[in-house]
N, C-alpha and C. Protein backbone atom coordinates (compact mmCIF):
# COMPACT_ATOMS: atom_id res chain seq x y z
N UNK A 1 81.81 140.04 124.27
CA UNK A 1 82.51 140.10 123.19
C UNK A 1 82.46 138.61 122.87
N UNK A 2 82.21 138.67 121.31
CA UNK A 2 81.89 136.93 121.00
C UNK A 2 83.41 136.80 120.54
N UNK A 3 83.55 135.36 120.99
CA UNK A 3 84.90 134.80 120.73
C UNK A 3 85.21 133.80 119.72
N UNK A 4 86.05 133.89 118.76
CA UNK A 4 86.22 133.04 117.44
C UNK A 4 87.21 132.21 117.75
N UNK A 5 86.77 131.04 117.80
CA UNK A 5 87.64 129.88 118.30
C UNK A 5 88.50 129.18 116.86
N UNK A 6 87.69 129.69 116.10
CA UNK A 6 88.92 129.64 114.72
C UNK A 6 90.22 130.09 114.91
N UNK A 7 90.27 131.21 115.31
CA UNK A 7 91.63 132.09 115.24
C UNK A 7 92.72 131.53 116.43
N UNK A 8 91.91 130.23 117.35
CA UNK A 8 93.05 129.95 118.26
C UNK A 8 93.59 128.34 117.87
N UNK A 9 93.21 127.89 116.84
CA UNK A 9 92.91 126.38 116.14
C UNK A 9 92.26 125.64 116.57
N UNK A 10 92.08 124.51 115.67
CA UNK A 10 91.07 123.66 115.85
C UNK A 10 91.07 122.93 117.25
N UNK A 11 89.77 122.69 117.52
CA UNK A 11 89.57 122.56 118.98
C UNK A 11 89.56 120.71 118.81
N UNK A 12 89.72 120.38 120.03
CA UNK A 12 89.72 119.15 120.33
C UNK A 12 88.46 118.32 119.97
N UNK A 13 88.39 117.10 119.29
CA UNK A 13 86.90 116.68 119.46
C UNK A 13 86.02 116.64 120.96
N UNK A 14 86.65 116.53 121.75
CA UNK A 14 85.70 116.55 123.07
C UNK A 14 85.19 118.12 123.42
N UNK A 15 85.84 119.17 122.69
CA UNK A 15 85.59 120.48 122.86
C UNK A 15 84.67 120.75 121.90
N UNK A 16 84.29 120.25 120.82
CA UNK A 16 83.24 120.58 119.89
C UNK A 16 81.95 120.89 120.15
N UNK A 17 81.37 120.00 120.93
CA UNK A 17 80.17 120.29 121.22
C UNK A 17 80.04 121.30 122.29
N UNK A 18 80.77 121.68 123.15
CA UNK A 18 81.04 122.81 124.04
C UNK A 18 81.11 123.81 122.94
N UNK A 19 82.02 123.87 122.50
CA UNK A 19 82.11 125.01 121.63
C UNK A 19 80.79 125.71 120.74
N UNK A 20 80.19 124.80 120.24
CA UNK A 20 79.17 125.06 119.41
C UNK A 20 78.06 125.36 120.33
N UNK A 21 77.70 125.03 121.58
CA UNK A 21 76.71 125.60 122.13
C UNK A 21 77.14 126.57 122.48
N UNK A 22 78.16 127.11 123.14
CA UNK A 22 78.71 128.36 123.55
C UNK A 22 78.55 129.41 122.54
N UNK A 23 78.88 128.96 121.56
CA UNK A 23 78.73 130.10 119.97
C UNK A 23 77.50 130.46 119.64
N UNK A 24 76.79 129.46 120.00
CA UNK A 24 75.07 129.83 119.75
C UNK A 24 74.71 130.65 120.89
N UNK A 25 75.28 130.58 122.09
CA UNK A 25 74.41 131.37 123.16
C UNK A 25 75.08 132.85 122.86
N UNK A 26 76.34 132.84 122.56
CA UNK A 26 76.85 134.30 122.44
C UNK A 26 76.24 134.82 121.51
N UNK A 27 76.32 134.12 120.22
CA UNK A 27 75.59 135.01 118.93
C UNK A 27 74.28 135.59 119.12
N UNK A 28 73.21 134.40 119.73
CA UNK A 28 71.91 134.78 119.93
C UNK A 28 71.84 135.87 120.76
N UNK A 29 72.73 135.89 121.86
CA UNK A 29 72.57 136.83 122.63
C UNK A 29 73.27 138.19 122.32
N UNK A 30 73.90 138.18 121.51
CA UNK A 30 74.46 139.69 121.10
C UNK A 30 73.45 139.99 119.59
N UNK A 31 73.15 139.18 118.86
CA UNK A 31 72.49 139.46 117.69
C UNK A 31 71.08 139.43 117.69
N UNK A 32 70.48 138.56 118.21
CA UNK A 32 69.15 137.93 118.27
C UNK A 32 69.19 136.75 116.94
N UNK A 33 68.37 135.70 117.19
CA UNK A 33 68.09 134.67 116.41
C UNK A 33 67.91 135.04 115.01
N UNK A 34 67.19 135.86 114.45
CA UNK A 34 67.19 136.37 113.02
C UNK A 34 68.60 136.58 112.42
N UNK A 35 69.17 136.94 112.87
CA UNK A 35 70.58 137.40 112.58
C UNK A 35 71.70 136.48 112.65
N UNK A 36 71.43 135.27 112.83
CA UNK A 36 72.39 134.39 113.50
C UNK A 36 72.26 133.19 112.52
N UNK A 37 73.69 132.83 111.78
CA UNK A 37 73.33 131.80 110.84
C UNK A 37 74.40 130.51 111.09
N UNK A 38 74.23 129.46 110.55
CA UNK A 38 74.86 128.32 110.87
C UNK A 38 76.44 128.38 110.77
N UNK A 39 76.50 129.43 109.52
CA UNK A 39 78.00 130.02 109.35
C UNK A 39 78.79 130.61 110.34
N UNK A 40 77.97 131.43 111.05
CA UNK A 40 78.24 132.25 112.04
C UNK A 40 78.65 131.15 113.05
N UNK A 41 78.07 130.29 113.35
CA UNK A 41 77.96 129.38 114.92
C UNK A 41 79.02 128.45 114.53
N UNK A 42 79.33 128.14 113.31
CA UNK A 42 80.83 127.22 113.27
C UNK A 42 82.05 127.97 113.07
N UNK A 43 81.95 129.42 112.23
CA UNK A 43 82.97 130.33 112.48
C UNK A 43 83.51 130.30 113.89
N UNK A 44 82.57 130.84 114.78
CA UNK A 44 82.94 130.82 116.16
C UNK A 44 83.32 129.99 116.97
N UNK A 45 82.44 128.85 116.92
CA UNK A 45 83.11 127.68 117.46
C UNK A 45 84.53 126.72 116.96
N UNK A 46 84.56 127.43 115.94
CA UNK A 46 86.10 126.73 115.29
C UNK A 46 85.85 125.54 114.67
N UNK A 47 84.64 125.15 114.03
CA UNK A 47 84.37 123.77 113.50
C UNK A 47 83.93 123.64 111.99
N UNK A 48 82.78 122.92 111.72
CA UNK A 48 82.38 123.05 110.26
C UNK A 48 80.82 122.77 110.45
N UNK A 49 80.35 123.19 109.44
CA UNK A 49 78.97 122.37 109.06
C UNK A 49 78.32 121.02 109.36
N UNK A 50 79.11 119.96 109.06
CA UNK A 50 78.80 118.65 109.44
C UNK A 50 78.86 118.37 110.83
N UNK A 51 79.87 118.94 111.46
CA UNK A 51 79.71 118.85 113.13
C UNK A 51 78.78 119.55 113.87
N UNK A 52 78.30 120.53 113.12
CA UNK A 52 76.94 121.39 113.78
C UNK A 52 75.78 120.35 113.50
N UNK A 53 75.65 119.84 112.22
CA UNK A 53 74.37 119.17 112.03
C UNK A 53 74.36 117.77 112.45
N UNK A 54 75.24 116.99 112.94
CA UNK A 54 75.86 115.85 113.64
C UNK A 54 74.66 116.10 115.06
N UNK A 55 74.86 117.18 115.39
CA UNK A 55 74.52 117.67 116.77
C UNK A 55 72.96 118.03 116.42
N UNK A 56 72.47 118.82 115.90
CA UNK A 56 71.44 119.52 115.78
C UNK A 56 70.78 119.90 114.34
N UNK A 57 69.59 119.98 114.03
CA UNK A 57 69.16 119.95 112.77
C UNK A 57 68.94 121.33 111.99
N UNK A 58 69.20 122.17 112.94
CA UNK A 58 69.49 123.55 112.62
C UNK A 58 69.53 124.74 113.55
N UNK A 59 69.29 125.53 113.50
CA UNK A 59 69.48 127.01 114.46
C UNK A 59 68.39 126.63 116.01
N UNK A 60 67.38 126.45 114.95
CA UNK A 60 66.12 126.55 116.20
C UNK A 60 66.26 125.22 116.94
N UNK A 61 66.65 123.91 116.69
CA UNK A 61 66.91 122.93 117.32
C UNK A 61 67.78 123.13 118.50
N UNK A 62 69.04 123.75 118.04
CA UNK A 62 69.79 124.35 119.11
C UNK A 62 69.36 125.07 120.32
N UNK A 63 69.12 126.06 119.79
CA UNK A 63 68.37 127.03 120.56
C UNK A 63 67.38 126.50 121.62
N UNK A 64 66.52 125.57 121.21
CA UNK A 64 65.43 124.70 122.06
C UNK A 64 66.23 123.94 122.95
N UNK A 65 67.32 123.52 122.65
CA UNK A 65 68.19 122.30 123.51
C UNK A 65 68.80 123.09 124.45
N UNK A 66 69.21 124.12 124.12
CA UNK A 66 69.83 125.04 125.30
C UNK A 66 69.02 125.78 126.37
N UNK A 67 67.76 126.07 125.61
CA UNK A 67 66.99 126.75 126.68
C UNK A 67 66.43 125.48 127.52
N UNK A 68 66.37 124.39 127.14
CA UNK A 68 65.95 123.11 127.94
C UNK A 68 67.06 122.80 129.13
N UNK A 69 67.89 122.92 128.30
CA UNK A 69 69.55 122.64 129.28
C UNK A 69 69.29 123.53 130.39
N UNK A 70 69.36 124.83 129.92
CA UNK A 70 69.39 125.79 131.08
C UNK A 70 68.30 126.17 132.09
N UNK A 71 67.20 125.79 131.21
CA UNK A 71 65.82 125.90 132.27
C UNK A 71 64.81 125.04 132.53
N UNK A 72 65.02 124.04 131.93
CA UNK A 72 64.49 122.66 132.06
C UNK A 72 63.03 122.60 131.96
N UNK A 73 62.22 121.69 132.36
CA UNK A 73 60.80 121.64 131.79
C UNK A 73 59.74 121.79 133.26
N UNK A 74 60.42 122.45 134.52
CA UNK A 74 59.85 122.37 135.59
C UNK A 74 59.05 121.20 136.17
N UNK A 75 59.59 120.12 135.69
CA UNK A 75 58.98 118.82 136.48
C UNK A 75 59.38 118.36 137.56
N UNK A 76 60.18 119.09 138.02
CA UNK A 76 60.80 118.90 139.45
C UNK A 76 60.24 119.53 140.67
N UNK A 77 59.21 120.40 140.07
CA UNK A 77 58.75 121.38 140.91
C UNK A 77 57.38 120.54 141.74
N UNK A 78 57.67 120.70 143.03
CA UNK A 78 56.57 120.27 144.13
C UNK A 78 56.48 120.61 145.52
N UNK A 79 56.11 121.94 145.52
CA UNK A 79 55.80 122.40 147.03
C UNK A 79 55.27 122.18 147.97
N UNK A 80 53.84 121.23 147.43
CA UNK A 80 52.98 120.85 148.75
C UNK A 80 51.92 121.60 148.21
N UNK A 81 51.95 122.94 147.56
CA UNK A 81 50.45 123.46 147.16
C UNK A 81 50.64 124.22 145.90
N UNK A 82 49.84 124.38 145.33
CA UNK A 82 49.54 124.77 143.88
C UNK A 82 49.89 126.50 143.78
N UNK A 83 49.89 127.18 145.02
CA UNK A 83 50.21 128.38 144.80
C UNK A 83 52.02 128.23 144.89
N UNK A 84 52.30 127.70 145.69
CA UNK A 84 53.78 127.39 146.23
C UNK A 84 54.24 127.15 144.57
N UNK A 85 53.70 126.31 143.81
CA UNK A 85 54.47 125.62 142.85
C UNK A 85 54.32 126.67 141.69
N UNK A 86 53.18 127.64 141.62
CA UNK A 86 53.15 128.72 140.59
C UNK A 86 54.26 129.51 140.94
N UNK A 87 54.45 130.01 142.13
CA UNK A 87 55.56 130.87 142.57
C UNK A 87 56.60 130.42 142.46
N UNK A 88 56.89 129.32 142.52
CA UNK A 88 58.31 128.57 142.29
C UNK A 88 58.90 128.70 140.59
N UNK A 89 57.92 128.59 139.93
CA UNK A 89 57.77 128.38 138.61
C UNK A 89 57.72 129.64 137.85
N UNK A 90 57.16 130.99 138.42
CA UNK A 90 57.35 132.05 138.08
C UNK A 90 58.74 132.78 138.65
N UNK A 91 59.10 132.20 139.65
CA UNK A 91 60.44 132.70 139.92
C UNK A 91 61.58 132.47 138.86
N UNK A 92 61.35 130.98 138.38
CA UNK A 92 62.30 130.49 137.53
C UNK A 92 62.30 131.22 136.09
N UNK A 93 60.85 131.61 135.86
CA UNK A 93 60.67 132.25 134.55
C UNK A 93 61.16 133.59 134.56
N UNK A 94 60.72 134.53 135.80
CA UNK A 94 61.55 135.75 135.73
C UNK A 94 63.25 135.48 135.69
N UNK A 95 63.64 134.59 136.23
CA UNK A 95 65.15 134.43 135.81
C UNK A 95 65.49 134.23 134.12
N UNK A 96 64.49 133.53 133.72
CA UNK A 96 64.81 133.19 132.43
C UNK A 96 64.43 134.35 131.43
N UNK A 97 63.58 134.94 131.71
CA UNK A 97 63.05 136.03 130.72
C UNK A 97 64.14 137.03 131.03
N UNK A 98 65.28 137.20 132.13
CA UNK A 98 66.25 138.50 132.56
C UNK A 98 67.42 137.86 131.51
N UNK A 99 67.60 136.70 131.00
CA UNK A 99 68.73 135.77 130.29
C UNK A 99 68.75 136.69 128.74
N UNK A 100 69.59 137.27 128.74
CA UNK A 100 70.15 137.92 127.48
C UNK A 100 70.09 136.88 126.23
N UNK A 101 70.11 135.86 126.49
CA UNK A 101 70.38 134.58 125.43
C UNK A 101 68.67 134.44 125.24
N UNK A 102 67.67 134.39 125.95
CA UNK A 102 66.21 134.01 125.95
C UNK A 102 65.75 135.34 125.20
N UNK A 103 66.06 136.45 125.81
CA UNK A 103 65.51 137.64 124.98
C UNK A 103 66.07 137.41 123.41
N UNK A 104 67.39 137.42 123.30
CA UNK A 104 67.87 137.22 121.97
C UNK A 104 66.99 136.26 120.94
N UNK A 105 66.77 135.16 121.81
CA UNK A 105 66.04 134.11 121.15
C UNK A 105 64.51 134.54 120.32
N UNK A 106 64.06 135.01 121.54
CA UNK A 106 62.67 135.20 121.22
C UNK A 106 62.49 136.71 120.79
N UNK A 107 63.04 137.77 121.24
CA UNK A 107 63.03 138.75 120.66
C UNK A 107 62.69 139.20 119.37
N UNK A 108 63.34 138.53 118.62
CA UNK A 108 63.79 138.43 116.97
C UNK A 108 63.07 137.32 116.18
N UNK A 109 62.90 136.49 117.23
CA UNK A 109 62.71 135.04 116.73
C UNK A 109 61.14 134.77 116.49
N UNK A 110 60.15 135.50 117.28
CA UNK A 110 59.01 135.17 117.47
C UNK A 110 58.03 135.17 116.02
N UNK A 111 58.41 136.22 115.13
CA UNK A 111 57.63 135.99 113.82
C UNK A 111 58.04 134.40 113.38
N UNK A 112 59.05 134.25 113.21
CA UNK A 112 59.53 133.27 112.53
C UNK A 112 59.17 131.94 113.10
N UNK A 113 58.96 131.79 114.18
CA UNK A 113 58.33 130.89 115.13
C UNK A 113 56.83 130.78 114.45
N UNK A 114 56.01 132.03 114.34
CA UNK A 114 54.55 132.12 114.21
C UNK A 114 54.63 131.61 112.59
N UNK A 115 55.41 132.03 111.82
CA UNK A 115 55.16 131.90 110.21
C UNK A 115 55.94 130.67 109.61
N UNK A 116 57.09 130.17 110.05
CA UNK A 116 57.99 128.88 109.71
C UNK A 116 57.70 127.94 110.36
N UNK A 117 56.62 126.91 110.13
CA UNK A 117 56.58 125.75 111.12
C UNK A 117 57.77 124.73 111.17
N UNK A 118 58.67 124.91 110.25
CA UNK A 118 59.97 124.05 110.50
C UNK A 118 60.92 124.71 111.42
N UNK A 119 60.89 126.00 111.74
CA UNK A 119 61.57 126.46 112.77
C UNK A 119 60.94 126.36 114.09
N UNK A 120 59.30 126.48 114.03
CA UNK A 120 58.77 126.48 115.66
C UNK A 120 58.70 125.23 115.93
N UNK A 121 58.70 123.99 115.07
CA UNK A 121 58.56 122.73 115.73
C UNK A 121 59.32 122.35 116.94
N UNK A 122 60.79 122.44 116.61
CA UNK A 122 61.98 122.23 117.19
C UNK A 122 61.66 122.71 118.77
N UNK A 123 60.94 123.87 118.88
CA UNK A 123 61.07 124.79 120.02
C UNK A 123 59.76 124.09 120.70
N UNK A 124 58.74 124.03 119.80
CA UNK A 124 57.73 123.60 120.62
C UNK A 124 57.88 122.16 121.25
N UNK A 125 58.24 121.25 120.20
CA UNK A 125 58.73 119.80 120.72
C UNK A 125 59.33 119.90 122.16
N UNK A 126 60.49 120.59 122.02
CA UNK A 126 61.74 120.31 122.92
C UNK A 126 61.62 121.08 124.04
N UNK A 127 60.80 122.25 124.28
CA UNK A 127 60.87 123.20 125.21
C UNK A 127 59.22 123.68 125.62
N UNK A 128 58.54 124.31 124.82
CA UNK A 128 57.27 124.92 125.10
C UNK A 128 56.12 123.54 125.50
N UNK A 129 55.83 122.75 124.72
CA UNK A 129 55.13 121.54 124.88
C UNK A 129 55.53 120.68 126.21
N UNK A 130 56.66 120.35 126.44
CA UNK A 130 56.63 119.95 128.01
C UNK A 130 56.57 120.73 129.12
N UNK A 131 56.63 121.84 128.73
CA UNK A 131 56.52 122.85 130.08
C UNK A 131 55.16 122.93 130.09
N UNK A 132 54.28 123.19 129.20
CA UNK A 132 52.76 123.20 129.44
C UNK A 132 52.10 122.13 129.91
N UNK A 133 52.73 120.98 129.34
CA UNK A 133 51.89 119.68 129.53
C UNK A 133 51.82 119.42 131.33
N UNK A 134 53.37 120.14 131.91
CA UNK A 134 53.45 119.76 133.28
C UNK A 134 52.30 120.71 133.98
N UNK A 135 51.78 121.45 133.45
CA UNK A 135 50.55 122.64 134.10
C UNK A 135 49.47 121.32 134.44
N UNK A 136 49.25 120.63 133.50
CA UNK A 136 47.96 119.58 133.97
C UNK A 136 48.60 118.90 135.10
N UNK A 137 49.79 118.52 135.02
CA UNK A 137 50.42 117.66 136.29
C UNK A 137 49.70 118.67 137.77
N UNK A 138 50.35 119.89 137.68
CA UNK A 138 50.06 120.66 138.70
C UNK A 138 48.53 120.85 139.28
N UNK A 139 47.86 121.13 137.90
CA UNK A 139 46.33 121.11 138.30
C UNK A 139 45.64 119.93 139.15
N UNK A 140 46.27 118.66 138.37
CA UNK A 140 45.89 117.43 139.16
C UNK A 140 45.93 117.37 140.31
N UNK A 141 47.32 117.41 141.00
CA UNK A 141 47.61 117.65 142.31
C UNK A 141 46.55 118.63 143.07
N UNK A 142 46.53 119.79 142.28
CA UNK A 142 45.77 120.82 143.16
C UNK A 142 44.05 120.33 143.05
N UNK A 143 43.89 119.52 142.50
CA UNK A 143 42.24 119.09 142.51
C UNK A 143 42.15 117.93 143.76
N UNK A 144 43.43 116.84 143.73
CA UNK A 144 43.44 116.19 144.58
C UNK A 144 43.68 116.76 146.13
N UNK A 145 44.10 117.63 146.44
CA UNK A 145 44.48 118.49 147.48
C UNK A 145 43.13 119.40 147.88
N UNK A 146 42.15 119.50 147.00
CA UNK A 146 40.97 120.34 147.19
C UNK A 146 41.37 121.57 147.29
N UNK A 147 42.53 122.12 146.17
CA UNK A 147 42.48 123.53 146.28
C UNK A 147 42.12 124.16 145.00
N UNK A 148 41.43 123.22 144.03
CA UNK A 148 40.70 124.05 143.06
C UNK A 148 39.56 122.52 142.52
N UNK A 149 38.76 123.18 141.66
CA UNK A 149 37.53 122.06 141.33
C UNK A 149 38.16 121.59 139.94
N UNK A 150 37.86 120.55 139.74
CA UNK A 150 38.22 119.77 138.25
C UNK A 150 37.81 121.12 137.30
N UNK A 151 38.37 120.64 135.98
CA UNK A 151 37.96 121.36 134.77
C UNK A 151 38.88 122.66 134.52
N UNK A 152 39.67 123.20 135.54
CA UNK A 152 40.79 124.33 135.27
C UNK A 152 41.23 124.29 134.09
N UNK A 153 41.27 125.32 132.95
CA UNK A 153 42.05 125.35 131.87
C UNK A 153 43.62 125.70 132.04
N UNK A 154 44.44 124.16 131.73
CA UNK A 154 45.48 124.42 131.57
C UNK A 154 46.34 125.60 131.02
N UNK A 155 45.96 125.79 129.97
CA UNK A 155 46.66 126.47 128.83
C UNK A 155 46.18 128.00 129.27
N UNK A 156 45.24 128.17 129.97
CA UNK A 156 45.01 129.81 130.61
C UNK A 156 45.89 129.83 131.63
N UNK A 157 46.03 128.83 132.55
CA UNK A 157 47.17 129.04 133.60
C UNK A 157 48.09 129.81 133.24
N UNK A 158 49.03 128.82 131.96
CA UNK A 158 50.29 128.72 131.52
C UNK A 158 50.18 130.48 130.78
N UNK A 159 49.39 130.60 130.21
CA UNK A 159 49.23 131.99 129.47
C UNK A 159 49.27 132.87 130.44
N UNK A 160 48.21 132.70 131.45
CA UNK A 160 48.52 133.98 132.15
C UNK A 160 49.64 134.32 133.32
N UNK A 161 50.20 133.46 133.42
CA UNK A 161 51.57 133.19 134.20
C UNK A 161 52.33 134.05 133.50
N UNK A 162 52.75 133.25 132.21
CA UNK A 162 53.74 133.61 131.34
C UNK A 162 53.81 135.18 130.40
N UNK A 163 52.84 135.62 130.25
CA UNK A 163 52.35 136.92 129.58
C UNK A 163 52.77 137.97 130.06
N UNK A 164 52.44 138.37 131.34
CA UNK A 164 53.30 139.66 131.71
C UNK A 164 54.88 139.47 131.60
N UNK A 165 55.60 138.03 132.10
CA UNK A 165 57.05 138.36 132.16
C UNK A 165 57.33 138.47 130.60
N UNK A 166 56.60 138.00 129.58
CA UNK A 166 56.71 138.05 128.33
C UNK A 166 56.85 139.63 127.82
N UNK A 167 55.91 140.09 128.01
CA UNK A 167 55.87 141.61 127.91
C UNK A 167 56.86 142.53 128.38
N UNK A 168 56.93 142.20 129.60
CA UNK A 168 58.24 143.04 130.36
C UNK A 168 59.70 142.80 129.53
N UNK A 169 59.82 141.50 129.37
CA UNK A 169 61.15 141.17 128.93
C UNK A 169 61.27 141.76 127.24
N UNK A 170 60.61 141.84 126.48
CA UNK A 170 60.51 142.05 125.25
C UNK A 170 60.09 143.69 124.68
N UNK A 171 59.32 144.06 125.51
CA UNK A 171 58.43 145.35 124.93
C UNK A 171 59.41 146.70 125.75
N UNK A 172 59.77 147.74 124.98
CA UNK A 172 60.61 148.60 125.29
C UNK A 172 59.59 149.55 126.29
N UNK A 173 60.48 150.43 127.06
CA UNK A 173 59.56 151.13 127.55
C UNK A 173 58.79 150.80 129.03
N UNK A 174 58.85 149.35 129.21
CA UNK A 174 58.08 148.99 130.47
C UNK A 174 59.36 148.71 131.59
N UNK A 175 58.59 148.58 132.91
CA UNK A 175 59.55 148.22 134.12
C UNK A 175 60.35 146.73 133.70
N UNK A 176 61.39 146.63 134.40
CA UNK A 176 61.87 145.66 134.49
C UNK A 176 60.94 144.23 135.17
N UNK A 177 61.48 143.02 135.01
CA UNK A 177 60.73 142.03 135.93
C UNK A 177 61.26 142.00 137.22
N UNK A 178 60.43 142.40 138.20
CA UNK A 178 60.74 142.33 139.47
C UNK A 178 59.98 141.30 140.16
N UNK A 179 60.27 141.34 141.90
CA UNK A 179 59.62 140.39 142.64
C UNK A 179 58.09 140.57 142.85
N UNK A 180 57.93 141.97 142.76
CA UNK A 180 56.39 142.33 142.77
C UNK A 180 55.58 141.68 141.82
N UNK A 181 56.30 141.97 140.38
CA UNK A 181 55.46 141.10 139.41
C UNK A 181 55.64 139.76 139.41
N UNK A 182 56.30 139.24 140.21
CA UNK A 182 56.20 137.62 140.15
C UNK A 182 55.01 137.29 141.10
N UNK A 183 55.04 137.87 142.13
CA UNK A 183 53.77 137.72 143.20
C UNK A 183 52.70 138.20 142.46
N UNK A 184 52.51 139.16 142.26
CA UNK A 184 51.25 139.50 141.51
C UNK A 184 50.86 138.91 140.43
N UNK A 185 51.51 138.57 139.60
CA UNK A 185 51.17 137.72 138.34
C UNK A 185 50.35 136.15 138.83
N UNK A 186 51.20 135.70 139.99
CA UNK A 186 50.35 134.57 140.44
C UNK A 186 49.27 134.75 141.38
N UNK A 187 49.17 135.84 142.10
CA UNK A 187 48.16 136.11 142.82
C UNK A 187 47.01 135.98 141.65
N UNK A 188 46.82 137.18 140.57
CA UNK A 188 46.20 137.10 140.01
C UNK A 188 45.82 135.95 139.02
N UNK A 189 46.49 134.79 138.73
CA UNK A 189 46.24 133.46 138.15
C UNK A 189 45.56 132.95 138.99
N UNK A 190 45.79 132.91 140.28
CA UNK A 190 44.86 131.96 141.07
C UNK A 190 43.64 132.43 141.37
N UNK A 191 43.27 133.91 141.60
CA UNK A 191 42.22 134.67 141.73
C UNK A 191 41.23 133.90 140.40
N UNK A 192 42.09 134.22 139.41
CA UNK A 192 41.12 133.76 137.84
C UNK A 192 40.28 132.59 137.90
N UNK A 193 41.22 131.55 138.77
CA UNK A 193 40.62 130.26 138.52
C UNK A 193 40.06 129.72 139.86
N UNK A 194 39.68 130.63 140.92
CA UNK A 194 38.83 130.04 141.82
C UNK A 194 39.69 129.44 142.99
N UNK A 195 41.19 129.55 143.29
CA UNK A 195 41.84 128.92 144.16
C UNK A 195 41.55 129.22 145.35
N UNK A 196 41.45 128.06 146.32
CA UNK A 196 41.25 128.20 147.91
C UNK A 196 41.80 127.68 148.60
N UNK A 197 43.43 127.22 148.09
CA UNK A 197 44.26 126.69 149.00
C UNK A 197 45.28 127.90 149.82
N UNK A 198 45.97 127.47 150.17
CA UNK A 198 47.21 128.37 151.12
C UNK A 198 47.92 129.25 150.25
N UNK A 199 47.86 130.43 150.58
CA UNK A 199 48.69 131.38 149.39
C UNK A 199 49.64 132.03 150.49
N UNK A 200 50.04 131.46 151.50
CA UNK A 200 50.71 132.65 152.73
C UNK A 200 51.95 132.97 152.34
N UNK A 201 52.48 132.37 151.00
CA UNK A 201 54.15 132.45 150.81
C UNK A 201 53.98 133.64 149.80
N UNK A 202 52.80 134.02 149.01
CA UNK A 202 52.84 135.37 148.51
C UNK A 202 52.62 136.55 149.45
N UNK A 203 53.27 137.57 149.04
CA UNK A 203 53.18 138.87 149.51
C UNK A 203 51.98 139.45 148.97
N UNK A 204 51.30 139.36 147.78
CA UNK A 204 50.22 139.79 147.07
C UNK A 204 49.47 139.02 147.07
N UNK A 205 48.23 138.93 148.08
CA UNK A 205 47.25 137.81 148.31
C UNK A 205 45.88 138.50 147.84
């Protein structure tokens, strides 16, 4: 249930930031990105538009910032093998795509991200691009360990990993995201790029 802070009086200054973030998460989770306005956010947060715009340029930037705060950019992942790295990232992505906030943001927001550059840019800059850039780092490590040959397409790796989870999260009538999907999607990705390193951590090999 959405919590309207405005009904409880004006929040202290140091609560405004947390209130705005909480309102964005609650509203986007409940209604979806396209159904949320800045007016909704500041009403639920018990604040005003200037307070919101001192923190974010718009709802897209707020959502992208919260996604990054919740799920990071995976740059801390370093398990010692490329297969282990992908498995850890995929487990994190599985957790992310089970989050109602993420489903609410992407489920109704993908069309706007595709057609409205001003909406897409904060999402790309703050969240998507750093995560995809890190795939290049993982591949470079794998080449150094002789797990892969040079020249593997980093965008392909990112797409093959994310695609199955995105489908399960957003499309109706499909099974939920589970551990088997996580393992199998990593195994398929490794097979598709000629990985020759250790994959003993996978149940689907």
